[in-house]
Amino acid sequence: MIDLRSDTVTRPTPGMLKAMFAAEVGDDVFGDDPTVNELEAKVAKMFGMEAALFCASGTMANQIAIKAHTQPGDEVICHKLSHVYYYEGGGIAMNSGASVCLLEGDGGRITAADVAAHINPPNDPHRPLTKLVSVENTMNKGGGSIYDFNELTAIGKVCHENDLKYHLDGARLFNALVETAETTADYGSLFDSISICISKGLGAPVGSVLIGNMAFINKARRIRKVFGGGMRQAGYLAAACIYALDNHVGRLHDDHKKAKHLESLLQSLPYIESVMPVQTNLVFFTLKPEMPADIFLGNLKANDIHALALSPQQIRFVTHLDITDDMMVGIENVLRKMQ
């Protein structure tokens, strides 16, 4: 099977499995799983931040961060298609009792001017208190678009001047980092909290990490417990994450190269209306009316290729470490035969 639905479908590599089976473990709820502790210390050091917390998923990490930064009735500023709002099951309302201010933006990215224009007056009792700005890099619904770091810095300045917390949903941050000049430490110096997902392009089977200062992570650890996210011998999973960080970051370039090839191929096909600009490993494209998404996906499935429809005409392909060169040839042959 060729699975283009998401980079979450990856399976552990042989080297990762070996690291998992060799992991030393304890009880993480008691704080004595040495491999989890190693992962958390490693990620905190990478970003130049004080502490980190291993979480079961990116959604959990994001929702813990939002709850830690806000009180019920506060407001979160984010893009209208951001994962924290669009794909996390109404978690901001359910978990934190916070409202949202949803912004428009180019390629799913908001600007400092957008943020500044939507901060509620703190002395107006009719309006919720603006407390948090959340951005996503890369931006999933923006086609894997990458933020300009200068814009992120400008947003951070607005947050600082208005006493707002600043969170980064960095589920695919390493996809951005391998394409730009910035470092993990650059990001750590800018944000109050960062979540990174290691079970997407980096290929671990489970796990995200939330990063911040010590007081924030202590609060986050308590929230994780309330969410039911305390894990016991989680070192087997943490070992996979450590292996991924040590061995799978640089190879993200390969995923991006394959995505760019698909972009070029799709642009040449007569049944494709448009293709969003590809910067990383996500390929979003719109089919012409005569090729509905269900027919297109049915044709792919008949050839054991799987993808996702985002609307009646829009499709998403995602490249990842389990998509081989031979698979790319097979995908191209099937797409060309649909003409």
C-alpha atoms as a PDB file:
ATOM      1  CA  MET A   1       0.000   0.000   0.000  1.00  0.00           C
ATOM      2  CA  ILE A   2       1.131   3.537  -0.778  1.00  0.00           C
ATOM      3  CA  ASP A   3      -0.217   5.772   1.963  1.00  0.00           C
ATOM      4  CA  LEU A   4      -0.277   9.509   1.223  1.00  0.00           C
ATOM      5  CA  ARG A   5      -2.942  10.338   3.821  1.00  0.00           C
ATOM      6  CA  SER A   6      -0.539  11.752   6.419  1.00  0.00           C
ATOM      7  CA  ASP A   7       2.986  11.606   7.775  1.00  0.00           C
ATOM      8  CA  THR A   8       1.443  10.129  10.925  1.00  0.00           C
ATOM      9  CA  VAL A   9       1.185   6.718   9.213  1.00  0.00           C
ATOM     10  CA  THR A  10       4.940   6.083   9.344  1.00  0.00           C
ATOM     11  CA  ARG A  11       6.233   2.925  11.012  1.00  0.00           C
ATOM     12  CA  PRO A  12       9.383   2.614  13.125  1.00  0.00           C
ATOM     13  CA  THR A  13      12.549   1.921  11.186  1.00  0.00           C
ATOM     14  CA  PRO A  14      14.729  -1.066  12.166  1.00  0.00           C
ATOM     15  CA  GLY A  15      17.145   1.239  13.995  1.00  0.00           C
ATOM     16  CA  MET A  16      14.284   2.858  15.885  1.00  0.00           C
ATOM     17  CA  LEU A  17      12.850  -0.508  16.903  1.00  0.00           C
ATOM     18  CA  LYS A  18      16.266  -1.567  18.197  1.00  0.00           C
ATOM     19  CA  ALA A  19      16.477   1.605  20.290  1.00  0.00           C
ATOM     20  CA  MET A  20      12.978   1.016  21.663  1.00  0.00           C
ATOM     21  CA  PHE A  21      13.700  -2.558  22.729  1.00  0.00           C
ATOM     22  CA  ALA A  22      16.935  -1.457  24.405  1.00  0.00           C
ATOM     23  CA  ALA A  23      15.323   1.392  26.365  1.00  0.00           C
ATOM     24  CA  GLU A  24      15.724   1.598  30.119  1.00  0.00           C
ATOM     25  CA  VAL A  25      12.351   2.354  31.688  1.00  0.00           C
ATOM     26  CA  GLY A  26      10.711   3.267  34.964  1.00  0.00           C
ATOM     27  CA  ASP A  27       7.432   4.861  36.020  1.00  0.00           C
ATOM     28  CA  ASP A  28       7.130   8.289  34.449  1.00  0.00           C
ATOM     29  CA  VAL A  29       4.261   9.400  36.699  1.00  0.00           C
ATOM     30  CA  PHE A  30       6.697   9.015  39.587  1.00  0.00           C
ATOM     31  CA  GLY A  31       9.306  10.837  37.481  1.00  0.00           C
ATOM     32  CA  ASP A  32      11.702   7.916  37.369  1.00  0.00           C
ATOM     33  CA  ASP A  33      11.606   6.749  33.762  1.00  0.00           C
ATOM     34  CA  PRO A  34      15.194   7.566  32.745  1.00  0.00           C
ATOM     35  CA  THR A  35      14.508   7.536  28.993  1.00  0.00           C
ATOM     36  CA  VAL A  36      11.567   9.929  29.276  1.00  0.00           C
ATOM     37  CA  ASN A  37      13.702  12.178  31.471  1.00  0.00           C
ATOM     38  CA  GLU A  38      16.471  12.018  28.854  1.00  0.00           C
ATOM     39  CA  LEU A  39      14.076  12.988  26.053  1.00  0.00           C
ATOM     40  CA  GLU A  40      12.630  15.907  28.003  1.00  0.00           C
ATOM     41  CA  ALA A  41      16.094  17.207  28.938  1.00  0.00           C
ATOM     42  CA  LYS A  42      17.310  16.760  25.365  1.00  0.00           C
ATOM     43  CA  VAL A  43      14.451  18.725  23.808  1.00  0.00           C
ATOM     44  CA  ALA A  44      14.608  21.496  26.422  1.00  0.00           C
ATOM     45  CA  LYS A  45      18.334  21.900  25.734  1.00  0.00           C
ATOM     46  CA  MET A  46      17.788  21.915  21.953  1.00  0.00           C
ATOM     47  CA  PHE A  47      15.444  24.880  22.275  1.00  0.00           C
ATOM     48  CA  GLY A  48      17.371  26.635  25.041  1.00  0.00           C
ATOM     49  CA  MET A  49      14.362  26.407  27.347  1.00  0.00           C
ATOM     50  CA  GLU A  50      14.207  25.290  30.951  1.00  0.00           C
ATOM     51  CA  ALA A  51      12.044  22.176  30.816  1.00  0.00           C
ATOM     52  CA  ALA A  52       9.892  19.908  28.679  1.00  0.00           C
ATOM     53  CA  LEU A  53       7.011  17.459  29.051  1.00  0.00           C
ATOM     54  CA  PHE A  54       6.443  14.275  27.054  1.00  0.00           C
ATOM     55  CA  CYS A  55       2.833  14.023  25.834  1.00  0.00           C
ATOM     56  CA  ALA A  56       0.848  11.384  23.999  1.00  0.00           C
ATOM     57  CA  SER A  57      -0.077  13.617  21.062  1.00  0.00           C
ATOM     58  CA  GLY A  58       0.272  17.044  19.537  1.00  0.00           C
ATOM     59  CA  THR A  59      -3.337  17.799  20.413  1.00  0.00           C
ATOM     60  CA  MET A  60      -2.649  17.001  24.060  1.00  0.00           C
ATOM     61  CA  ALA A  61       0.459  19.198  24.099  1.00  0.00           C
ATOM     62  CA  ASN A  62      -1.369  22.126  22.505  1.00  0.00           C
ATOM     63  CA  GLN A  63      -4.419  21.826  24.720  1.00  0.00           C
ATOM     64  CA  ILE A  64      -2.295  21.613  27.867  1.00  0.00           C
ATOM     65  CA  ALA A  65      -0.454  24.775  26.791  1.00  0.00           C
ATOM     66  CA  ILE A  66      -3.675  26.687  26.150  1.00  0.00           C
ATOM     67  CA  LYS A  67      -5.127  25.665  29.499  1.00  0.00           C
ATOM     68  CA  ALA A  68      -1.902  26.593  31.308  1.00  0.00           C
ATOM     69  CA  HIS A  69      -1.815  30.045  29.679  1.00  0.00           C
ATOM     70  CA  THR A  70      -5.490  31.016  30.089  1.00  0.00           C
ATOM     71  CA  GLN A  71      -8.422  31.195  32.481  1.00  0.00           C
ATOM     72  CA  PRO A  72     -12.065  30.453  31.542  1.00  0.00           C
ATOM     73  CA  GLY A  73     -13.464  33.443  29.675  1.00  0.00           C
ATOM     74  CA  ASP A  74     -10.097  34.524  28.240  1.00  0.00           C
ATOM     75  CA  GLU A  75      -9.552  34.771  24.495  1.00  0.00           C
ATOM     76  CA  VAL A  76      -7.033  33.059  22.213  1.00  0.00           C
ATOM     77  CA  ILE A  77      -5.961  34.687  18.932  1.00  0.00           C
ATOM     78  CA  CYS A  78      -5.194  32.230  16.137  1.00  0.00           C
ATOM     79  CA  HIS A  79      -5.747  31.676  12.433  1.00  0.00           C
ATOM     80  CA  LYS A  80      -9.228  30.442  11.518  1.00  0.00           C
ATOM     81  CA  LEU A  81      -7.764  27.228  10.076  1.00  0.00           C
ATOM     82  CA  SER A  82      -5.191  26.598  12.798  1.00  0.00           C
ATOM     83  CA  HIS A  83      -4.958  23.059  14.127  1.00  0.00           C
ATOM     84  CA  VAL A  84      -5.630  24.151  17.716  1.00  0.00           C
ATOM     85  CA  TYR A  85      -9.053  25.423  16.608  1.00  0.00           C
ATOM     86  CA  TYR A  86      -9.958  23.444  13.496  1.00  0.00           C
ATOM     87  CA  TYR A  87      -8.727  19.931  14.262  1.00  0.00           C
ATOM     88  CA  GLU A  88      -8.670  19.494  18.038  1.00  0.00           C
ATOM     89  CA  GLY A  89     -12.306  18.614  18.677  1.00  0.00           C
ATOM     90  CA  GLY A  90     -13.396  21.912  20.217  1.00  0.00           C
ATOM     91  CA  GLY A  91     -10.748  21.455  22.877  1.00  0.00           C
ATOM     92  CA  ILE A  92     -10.211  25.162  23.533  1.00  0.00           C
ATOM     93  CA  ALA A  93     -13.840  25.487  24.616  1.00  0.00           C
ATOM     94  CA  MET A  94     -14.118  22.118  26.353  1.00  0.00           C
ATOM     95  CA  ASN A  95     -10.785  22.047  28.172  1.00  0.00           C
ATOM     96  CA  SER A  96     -10.065  25.711  28.854  1.00  0.00           C
ATOM     97  CA  GLY A  97     -13.417  27.490  28.631  1.00  0.00           C
ATOM     98  CA  ALA A  98     -11.738  30.087  26.447  1.00  0.00           C
ATOM     99  CA  SER A  99     -13.106  31.889  23.414  1.00  0.00           C
ATOM    100  CA  VAL A 100     -11.225  32.378  20.174  1.00  0.00           C
ATOM    101  CA  CYS A 101     -10.558  35.300  17.880  1.00  0.00           C
ATOM    102  CA  LEU A 102     -10.119  33.796  14.418  1.00  0.00           C
ATOM    103  CA  LEU A 103      -7.972  35.684  11.920  1.00  0.00           C
ATOM    104  CA  GLU A 104      -7.637  35.513   8.157  1.00  0.00           C
ATOM    105  CA  GLY A 105      -4.164  35.155   6.732  1.00  0.00           C
ATOM    106  CA  ASP A 106      -2.046  34.317   3.699  1.00  0.00           C
ATOM    107  CA  GLY A 107      -1.294  30.611   3.497  1.00  0.00           C
ATOM    108  CA  GLY A 108      -2.672  30.157   6.991  1.00  0.00           C
ATOM    109  CA  ARG A 109      -0.205  32.639   8.449  1.00  0.00           C
ATOM    110  CA  ILE A 110      -1.184  35.672  10.505  1.00  0.00           C
ATOM    111  CA  THR A 111       0.794  38.889  10.909  1.00  0.00           C
ATOM    112  CA  ALA A 112       1.802  41.184  13.746  1.00  0.00           C
ATOM    113  CA  ALA A 113      -0.577  43.814  12.357  1.00  0.00           C
ATOM    114  CA  ASP A 114      -3.422  41.266  12.422  1.00  0.00           C
ATOM    115  CA  VAL A 115      -2.701  40.449  16.050  1.00  0.00           C
ATOM    116  CA  ALA A 116      -2.345  44.073  17.166  1.00  0.00           C
ATOM    117  CA  ALA A 117      -5.664  44.974  15.547  1.00  0.00           C
ATOM    118  CA  HIS A 118      -7.557  42.236  17.405  1.00  0.00           C
ATOM    119  CA  ILE A 119      -6.370  42.627  20.993  1.00  0.00           C
ATOM    120  CA  ASN A 120      -9.389  43.500  23.110  1.00  0.00           C
ATOM    121  CA  PRO A 121      -9.203  46.565  25.398  1.00  0.00           C
ATOM    122  CA  PRO A 122      -8.376  45.067  28.821  1.00  0.00           C
ATOM    123  CA  ASN A 123     -10.658  47.499  30.670  1.00  0.00           C
ATOM    124  CA  ASP A 124     -13.741  46.780  28.550  1.00  0.00           C
ATOM    125  CA  PRO A 125     -15.950  44.397  30.577  1.00  0.00           C
ATOM    126  CA  HIS A 126     -17.990  43.541  27.492  1.00  0.00           C
ATOM    127  CA  ARG A 127     -15.060  41.807  25.784  1.00  0.00           C
ATOM    128  CA  PRO A 128     -13.058  38.726  26.774  1.00  0.00           C
ATOM    129  CA  LEU A 129      -9.512  39.304  27.946  1.00  0.00           C
ATOM    130  CA  THR A 130      -7.013  38.586  25.208  1.00  0.00           C
ATOM    131  CA  LYS A 131      -4.387  36.361  26.817  1.00  0.00           C
ATOM    132  CA  LEU A 132      -2.725  34.142  24.232  1.00  0.00           C
ATOM    133  CA  VAL A 133      -1.581  34.157  20.621  1.00  0.00           C
ATOM    134  CA  SER A 134      -1.064  30.777  18.956  1.00  0.00           C
ATOM    135  CA  VAL A 135       0.662  30.292  15.605  1.00  0.00           C
ATOM    136  CA  GLU A 136       1.363  27.110  13.630  1.00  0.00           C
ATOM    137  CA  ASN A 137       4.594  26.423  11.741  1.00  0.00           C
ATOM    138  CA  THR A 138       4.508  24.768   9.319  1.00  0.00           C
ATOM    139  CA  MET A 139       0.865  25.607   8.696  1.00  0.00           C
ATOM    140  CA  ASN A 140      -1.027  22.433   7.803  1.00  0.00           C
ATOM    141  CA  LYS A 141      -4.090  24.034   6.176  1.00  0.00           C
ATOM    142  CA  GLY A 142      -1.810  26.515   4.456  1.00  0.00           C
ATOM    143  CA  GLY A 143      -0.327  23.669   2.459  1.00  0.00           C
ATOM    144  CA  GLY A 144       2.668  23.201   4.734  1.00  0.00           C
ATOM    145  CA  SER A 145       3.602  26.872   4.454  1.00  0.00           C
ATOM    146  CA  ILE A 146       6.534  28.269   6.449  1.00  0.00           C
ATOM    147  CA  TYR A 147       6.396  31.453   8.499  1.00  0.00           C
ATOM    148  CA  ASP A 148       8.966  34.172   7.889  1.00  0.00           C
ATOM    149  CA  PHE A 149      10.872  34.293  11.167  1.00  0.00           C
ATOM    150  CA  ASN A 150      10.930  38.095  11.052  1.00  0.00           C
ATOM    151  CA  GLU A 151       7.116  38.056  11.130  1.00  0.00           C
ATOM    152  CA  LEU A 152       7.120  35.632  14.033  1.00  0.00           C
ATOM    153  CA  THR A 153       9.502  37.975  15.836  1.00  0.00           C
ATOM    154  CA  ALA A 154       7.217  40.935  15.144  1.00  0.00           C
ATOM    155  CA  ILE A 155       4.228  39.021  16.522  1.00  0.00           C
ATOM    156  CA  GLY A 156       6.299  38.216  19.604  1.00  0.00           C
ATOM    157  CA  LYS A 157       6.997  41.915  20.091  1.00  0.00           C
ATOM    158  CA  VAL A 158       3.264  42.668  19.990  1.00  0.00           C
ATOM    159  CA  CYS A 159       2.652  39.918  22.539  1.00  0.00           C
ATOM    160  CA  HIS A 160       5.359  41.247  24.869  1.00  0.00           C
ATOM    161  CA  GLU A 161       4.084  44.817  24.643  1.00  0.00           C
ATOM    162  CA  ASN A 162       0.553  43.696  25.493  1.00  0.00           C
ATOM    163  CA  ASP A 163       1.393  41.140  28.192  1.00  0.00           C
ATOM    164  CA  LEU A 164       0.179  38.214  26.061  1.00  0.00           C
ATOM    165  CA  LYS A 165       1.546  34.679  26.085  1.00  0.00           C
ATOM    166  CA  TYR A 166       2.881  33.326  22.808  1.00  0.00           C
ATOM    167  CA  HIS A 167       2.503  29.646  21.844  1.00  0.00           C
ATOM    168  CA  LEU A 168       3.882  27.801  18.829  1.00  0.00           C
ATOM    169  CA  ASP A 169       2.158  24.715  17.498  1.00  0.00           C
ATOM    170  CA  GLY A 170       5.329  23.323  15.984  1.00  0.00           C
ATOM    171  CA  ALA A 171       3.912  19.943  14.982  1.00  0.00           C
ATOM    172  CA  ARG A 172       5.980  20.106  11.788  1.00  0.00           C
ATOM    173  CA  LEU A 173       8.512  22.689  12.949  1.00  0.00           C
ATOM    174  CA  PHE A 174      11.479  20.576  11.875  1.00  0.00           C
ATOM    175  CA  ASN A 175      10.116  20.598   8.326  1.00  0.00           C
ATOM    176  CA  ALA A 176      10.430  24.374   8.473  1.00  0.00           C
ATOM    177  CA  LEU A 177      13.840  24.332  10.148  1.00  0.00           C
ATOM    178  CA  VAL A 178      15.503  22.209   7.454  1.00  0.00           C
ATOM    179  CA  GLU A 179      14.397  24.761   4.840  1.00  0.00           C
ATOM    180  CA  THR A 180      15.413  27.964   6.662  1.00  0.00           C
ATOM    181  CA  ALA A 181      18.383  29.486   8.467  1.00  0.00           C
ATOM    182  CA  GLU A 182      16.813  29.514  11.933  1.00  0.00           C
ATOM    183  CA  THR A 183      17.669  27.105  14.730  1.00  0.00           C
ATOM    184  CA  THR A 184      15.712  25.467  17.510  1.00  0.00           C
ATOM    185  CA  ALA A 185      17.356  27.917  19.922  1.00  0.00           C
ATOM    186  CA  ASP A 186      16.052  30.854  17.868  1.00  0.00           C
ATOM    187  CA  TYR A 187      12.525  29.563  18.351  1.00  0.00           C
ATOM    188  CA  GLY A 188      13.079  28.833  22.012  1.00  0.00           C
ATOM    189  CA  SER A 189      14.111  32.430  22.621  1.00  0.00           C
ATOM    190  CA  LEU A 190      10.915  33.761  21.045  1.00  0.00           C
ATOM    191  CA  PHE A 191       8.021  31.707  22.428  1.00  0.00           C
ATOM    192  CA  ASP A 192       6.593  31.134  25.892  1.00  0.00           C
ATOM    193  CA  SER A 193       5.705  27.581  24.913  1.00  0.00           C
ATOM    194  CA  ILE A 194       6.329  25.279  21.967  1.00  0.00           C
ATOM    195  CA  SER A 195       4.851  21.907  21.074  1.00  0.00           C
ATOM    196  CA  ILE A 196       6.697  19.617  18.679  1.00  0.00           C
ATOM    197  CA  CYS A 197       5.300  16.377  17.261  1.00  0.00           C
ATOM    198  CA  ILE A 198       7.750  13.540  16.754  1.00  0.00           C
ATOM    199  CA  SER A 199       5.223  11.068  15.313  1.00  0.00           C
ATOM    200  CA  LYS A 200       4.753  12.932  12.022  1.00  0.00           C
ATOM    201  CA  GLY A 201       7.645  13.440   9.596  1.00  0.00           C
ATOM    202  CA  LEU A 202      10.240  12.373  12.142  1.00  0.00           C
ATOM    203  CA  GLY A 203       8.659   8.936  12.183  1.00  0.00           C
ATOM    204  CA  ALA A 204       8.227   7.995  15.850  1.00  0.00           C
ATOM    205  CA  PRO A 205       5.148   5.841  16.545  1.00  0.00           C
ATOM    206  CA  VAL A 206       3.801   8.065  19.357  1.00  0.00           C
ATOM    207  CA  GLY A 207       4.711  11.298  21.044  1.00  0.00           C
ATOM    208  CA  SER A 208       4.906  15.062  21.222  1.00  0.00           C
ATOM    209  CA  VAL A 209       6.903  17.289  23.538  1.00  0.00           C
ATOM    210  CA  LEU A 210       5.773  20.537  25.170  1.00  0.00           C
ATOM    211  CA  ILE A 211       8.544  23.002  26.061  1.00  0.00           C
ATOM    212  CA  GLY A 212       8.656  26.104  28.278  1.00  0.00           C
ATOM    213  CA  ASN A 213      10.068  27.491  31.498  1.00  0.00           C
ATOM    214  CA  MET A 214      10.090  25.443  34.675  1.00  0.00           C
ATOM    215  CA  ALA A 215       7.010  27.029  36.235  1.00  0.00           C
ATOM    216  CA  PHE A 216       5.016  26.504  33.042  1.00  0.00           C
ATOM    217  CA  ILE A 217       6.057  22.860  32.697  1.00  0.00           C
ATOM    218  CA  ASN A 218       5.282  22.152  36.359  1.00  0.00           C
ATOM    219  CA  LYS A 219       1.778  23.502  35.745  1.00  0.00           C
ATOM    220  CA  ALA A 220       1.554  21.590  32.470  1.00  0.00           C
ATOM    221  CA  ARG A 221       2.515  18.337  34.183  1.00  0.00           C
ATOM    222  CA  ARG A 222      -0.401  18.737  36.603  1.00  0.00           C
ATOM    223  CA  ILE A 223      -2.768  19.465  33.696  1.00  0.00           C
ATOM    224  CA  ARG A 224      -1.481  16.425  31.815  1.00  0.00           C
ATOM    225  CA  LYS A 225      -2.382  14.303  34.844  1.00  0.00           C
ATOM    226  CA  VAL A 226      -5.899  15.784  34.941  1.00  0.00           C
ATOM    227  CA  PHE A 227      -6.262  15.046  31.210  1.00  0.00           C
ATOM    228  CA  GLY A 228      -5.392  11.391  31.921  1.00  0.00           C
ATOM    229  CA  GLY A 229      -2.083  11.771  30.125  1.00  0.00           C
ATOM    230  CA  GLY A 230       0.222  10.376  32.776  1.00  0.00           C
ATOM    231  CA  MET A 231       2.136   7.412  31.324  1.00  0.00           C
ATOM    232  CA  ARG A 232       4.027   4.676  33.103  1.00  0.00           C
ATOM    233  CA  GLN A 233       6.831   2.827  31.273  1.00  0.00           C
ATOM    234  CA  ALA A 234       6.789   5.404  28.491  1.00  0.00           C
ATOM    235  CA  GLY A 235      10.531   5.125  27.942  1.00  0.00           C
ATOM    236  CA  TYR A 236       9.978   2.694  25.086  1.00  0.00           C
ATOM    237  CA  LEU A 237       8.142   5.478  23.248  1.00  0.00           C
ATOM    238  CA  ALA A 238      10.595   8.154  24.364  1.00  0.00           C
ATOM    239  CA  ALA A 239      13.476   6.067  22.985  1.00  0.00           C
ATOM    240  CA  ALA A 240      11.826   6.153  19.556  1.00  0.00           C
ATOM    241  CA  CYS A 241      11.558   9.942  19.819  1.00  0.00           C
ATOM    242  CA  ILE A 242      15.221  10.302  20.793  1.00  0.00           C
ATOM    243  CA  TYR A 243      16.224   8.115  17.849  1.00  0.00           C
ATOM    244  CA  ALA A 244      14.052  10.193  15.498  1.00  0.00           C
ATOM    245  CA  LEU A 245      15.600  13.473  16.660  1.00  0.00           C
ATOM    246  CA  ASP A 246      19.095  12.045  16.244  1.00  0.00           C
ATOM    247  CA  ASN A 247      18.579  10.360  12.870  1.00  0.00           C
ATOM    248  CA  HIS A 248      15.529  11.617  10.980  1.00  0.00           C
ATOM    249  CA  VAL A 249      15.687  15.419  10.915  1.00  0.00           C
ATOM    250  CA  GLY A 250      18.083  15.868   7.994  1.00  0.00           C
ATOM    251  CA  ARG A 251      16.242  13.371   5.827  1.00  0.00           C
ATOM    252  CA  LEU A 252      13.122  15.585   5.810  1.00  0.00           C
ATOM    253  CA  HIS A 253      14.701  17.166   2.729  1.00  0.00           C
ATOM    254  CA  ASP A 254      13.903  13.919   0.886  1.00  0.00           C
ATOM    255  CA  ASP A 255      10.207  14.252   1.742  1.00  0.00           C
ATOM    256  CA  HIS A 256      10.200  17.849   0.531  1.00  0.00           C
ATOM    257  CA  LYS A 257      11.900  16.876  -2.730  1.00  0.00           C
ATOM    258  CA  LYS A 258       9.235  14.234  -3.376  1.00  0.00           C
ATOM    259  CA  ALA A 259       6.473  16.727  -2.573  1.00  0.00           C
ATOM    260  CA  LYS A 260       7.933  19.235  -5.042  1.00  0.00           C
ATOM    261  CA  HIS A 261       8.015  16.521  -7.688  1.00  0.00           C
ATOM    262  CA  LEU A 262       4.336  15.791  -7.072  1.00  0.00           C
ATOM    263  CA  GLU A 263       3.576  19.516  -7.307  1.00  0.00           C
ATOM    264  CA  SER A 264       5.217  19.693 -10.729  1.00  0.00           C
ATOM    265  CA  LEU A 265       3.497  16.526 -11.909  1.00  0.00           C
ATOM    266  CA  LEU A 266       0.051  17.631 -10.760  1.00  0.00           C
ATOM    267  CA  GLN A 267       0.430  21.009 -12.460  1.00  0.00           C
ATOM    268  CA  SER A 268       0.863  19.159 -15.775  1.00  0.00           C
ATOM    269  CA  LEU A 269      -2.302  17.065 -15.510  1.00  0.00           C
ATOM    270  CA  PRO A 270      -5.444  18.202 -17.351  1.00  0.00           C
ATOM    271  CA  TYR A 271      -7.888  17.308 -14.545  1.00  0.00           C
ATOM    272  CA  ILE A 272      -6.103  19.468 -11.938  1.00  0.00           C
ATOM    273  CA  GLU A 273      -7.528  22.954 -11.398  1.00  0.00           C
ATOM    274  CA  SER A 274      -4.748  24.309  -9.159  1.00  0.00           C
ATOM    275  CA  VAL A 275      -1.951  23.311  -6.782  1.00  0.00           C
ATOM    276  CA  MET A 276      -1.032  25.266  -3.671  1.00  0.00           C
ATOM    277  CA  PRO A 277       2.657  26.285  -3.551  1.00  0.00           C
ATOM    278  CA  VAL A 278       4.669  23.456  -1.972  1.00  0.00           C
ATOM    279  CA  GLN A 279       7.298  24.406   0.600  1.00  0.00           C
ATOM    280  CA  THR A 280       7.596  21.260   2.665  1.00  0.00           C
ATOM    281  CA  ASN A 281       5.967  17.795   2.596  1.00  0.00           C
ATOM    282  CA  LEU A 282       2.292  18.730   2.142  1.00  0.00           C
ATOM    283  CA  VAL A 283       0.711  18.890  -1.307  1.00  0.00           C
ATOM    284  CA  PHE A 284      -2.759  20.466  -1.520  1.00  0.00           C
ATOM    285  CA  PHE A 285      -4.519  20.546  -4.891  1.00  0.00           C
ATOM    286  CA  THR A 286      -7.942  21.184  -6.356  1.00  0.00           C
ATOM    287  CA  LEU A 287      -9.548  18.955  -8.972  1.00  0.00           C
ATOM    288  CA  LYS A 288     -11.583  20.268 -11.889  1.00  0.00           C
ATOM    289  CA  PRO A 289     -15.372  19.769 -11.615  1.00  0.00           C
ATOM    290  CA  GLU A 290     -15.340  16.828 -14.030  1.00  0.00           C
ATOM    291  CA  MET A 291     -13.098  14.891 -11.619  1.00  0.00           C
ATOM    292  CA  PRO A 292     -14.853  14.825  -8.208  1.00  0.00           C
ATOM    293  CA  ALA A 293     -12.756  13.862  -5.207  1.00  0.00           C
ATOM    294  CA  ASP A 294     -14.617  10.592  -4.600  1.00  0.00           C
ATOM    295  CA  ILE A 295     -13.934   9.411  -8.156  1.00  0.00           C
ATOM    296  CA  PHE A 296     -10.294  10.489  -7.926  1.00  0.00           C
ATOM    297  CA  LEU A 297      -9.753   8.734  -4.598  1.00  0.00           C
ATOM    298  CA  GLY A 298     -11.546   5.646  -5.905  1.00  0.00           C
ATOM    299  CA  ASN A 299      -9.135   5.480  -8.825  1.00  0.00           C
ATOM    300  CA  LEU A 300      -6.200   5.773  -6.447  1.00  0.00           C
ATOM    301  CA  LYS A 301      -7.584   3.139  -4.074  1.00  0.00           C
ATOM    302  CA  ALA A 302      -8.056   0.690  -6.954  1.00  0.00           C
ATOM    303  CA  ASN A 303      -4.274   0.927  -7.331  1.00  0.00           C
ATOM    304  CA  ASP A 304      -3.669   0.617  -3.562  1.00  0.00           C
ATOM    305  CA  ILE A 305      -2.836   4.323  -3.163  1.00  0.00           C
ATOM    306  CA  HIS A 306      -4.545   6.166  -0.318  1.00  0.00           C
ATOM    307  CA  ALA A 307      -5.041   9.922   0.123  1.00  0.00           C
ATOM    308  CA  LEU A 308      -7.421  12.340   1.858  1.00  0.00           C
ATOM    309  CA  ALA A 309     -10.171  14.586   0.491  1.00  0.00           C
ATOM    310  CA  LEU A 310     -10.492  17.916   2.300  1.00  0.00           C
ATOM    311  CA  SER A 311     -13.551  19.019   0.336  1.00  0.00           C
ATOM    312  CA  PRO A 312     -15.567  17.738  -2.652  1.00  0.00           C
ATOM    313  CA  GLN A 313     -12.740  18.939  -4.936  1.00  0.00           C
ATOM    314  CA  GLN A 314      -9.628  19.379  -2.778  1.00  0.00           C
ATOM    315  CA  ILE A 315      -7.091  16.613  -2.051  1.00  0.00           C
ATOM    316  CA  ARG A 316      -4.064  16.420   0.232  1.00  0.00           C
ATOM    317  CA  PHE A 317      -0.982  14.277  -0.391  1.00  0.00           C
ATOM    318  CA  VAL A 318       1.671  13.980   2.336  1.00  0.00           C
ATOM    319  CA  THR A 319       5.142  12.589   1.702  1.00  0.00           C
ATOM    320  CA  HIS A 320       7.086  10.870   4.465  1.00  0.00           C
ATOM    321  CA  LEU A 321       9.884   8.399   5.168  1.00  0.00           C
ATOM    322  CA  ASP A 322       7.818   5.359   4.117  1.00  0.00           C
ATOM    323  CA  ILE A 323       7.299   6.724   0.585  1.00  0.00           C
ATOM    324  CA  THR A 324      10.076   5.193  -1.504  1.00  0.00           C
ATOM    325  CA  ASP A 325      11.409   6.176  -4.927  1.00  0.00           C
ATOM    326  CA  ASP A 326       9.696   3.138  -6.446  1.00  0.00           C
ATOM    327  CA  MET A 327       6.417   4.228  -4.887  1.00  0.00           C
ATOM    328  CA  MET A 328       6.837   7.653  -6.449  1.00  0.00           C
ATOM    329  CA  VAL A 329       7.118   6.015  -9.859  1.00  0.00           C
ATOM    330  CA  GLY A 330       3.941   4.069  -9.173  1.00  0.00           C
ATOM    331  CA  ILE A 331       2.077   7.197  -8.058  1.00  0.00           C
ATOM    332  CA  GLU A 332       3.137   9.054 -11.195  1.00  0.00           C
ATOM    333  CA  ASN A 333       2.049   6.218 -13.478  1.00  0.00           C
ATOM    334  CA  VAL A 334      -1.402   6.041 -11.884  1.00  0.00           C
ATOM    335  CA  LEU A 335      -1.921   9.824 -11.970  1.00  0.00           C
ATOM    336  CA  ARG A 336      -0.963  10.025 -15.650  1.00  0.00           C
ATOM    337  CA  LYS A 337      -3.289   7.145 -16.570  1.00  0.00           C
ATOM    338  CA  MET A 338      -6.283   9.070 -15.191  1.00  0.00           C
ATOM    339  CA  GLN A 339      -6.068  11.574 -18.054  1.00  0.00           C
END
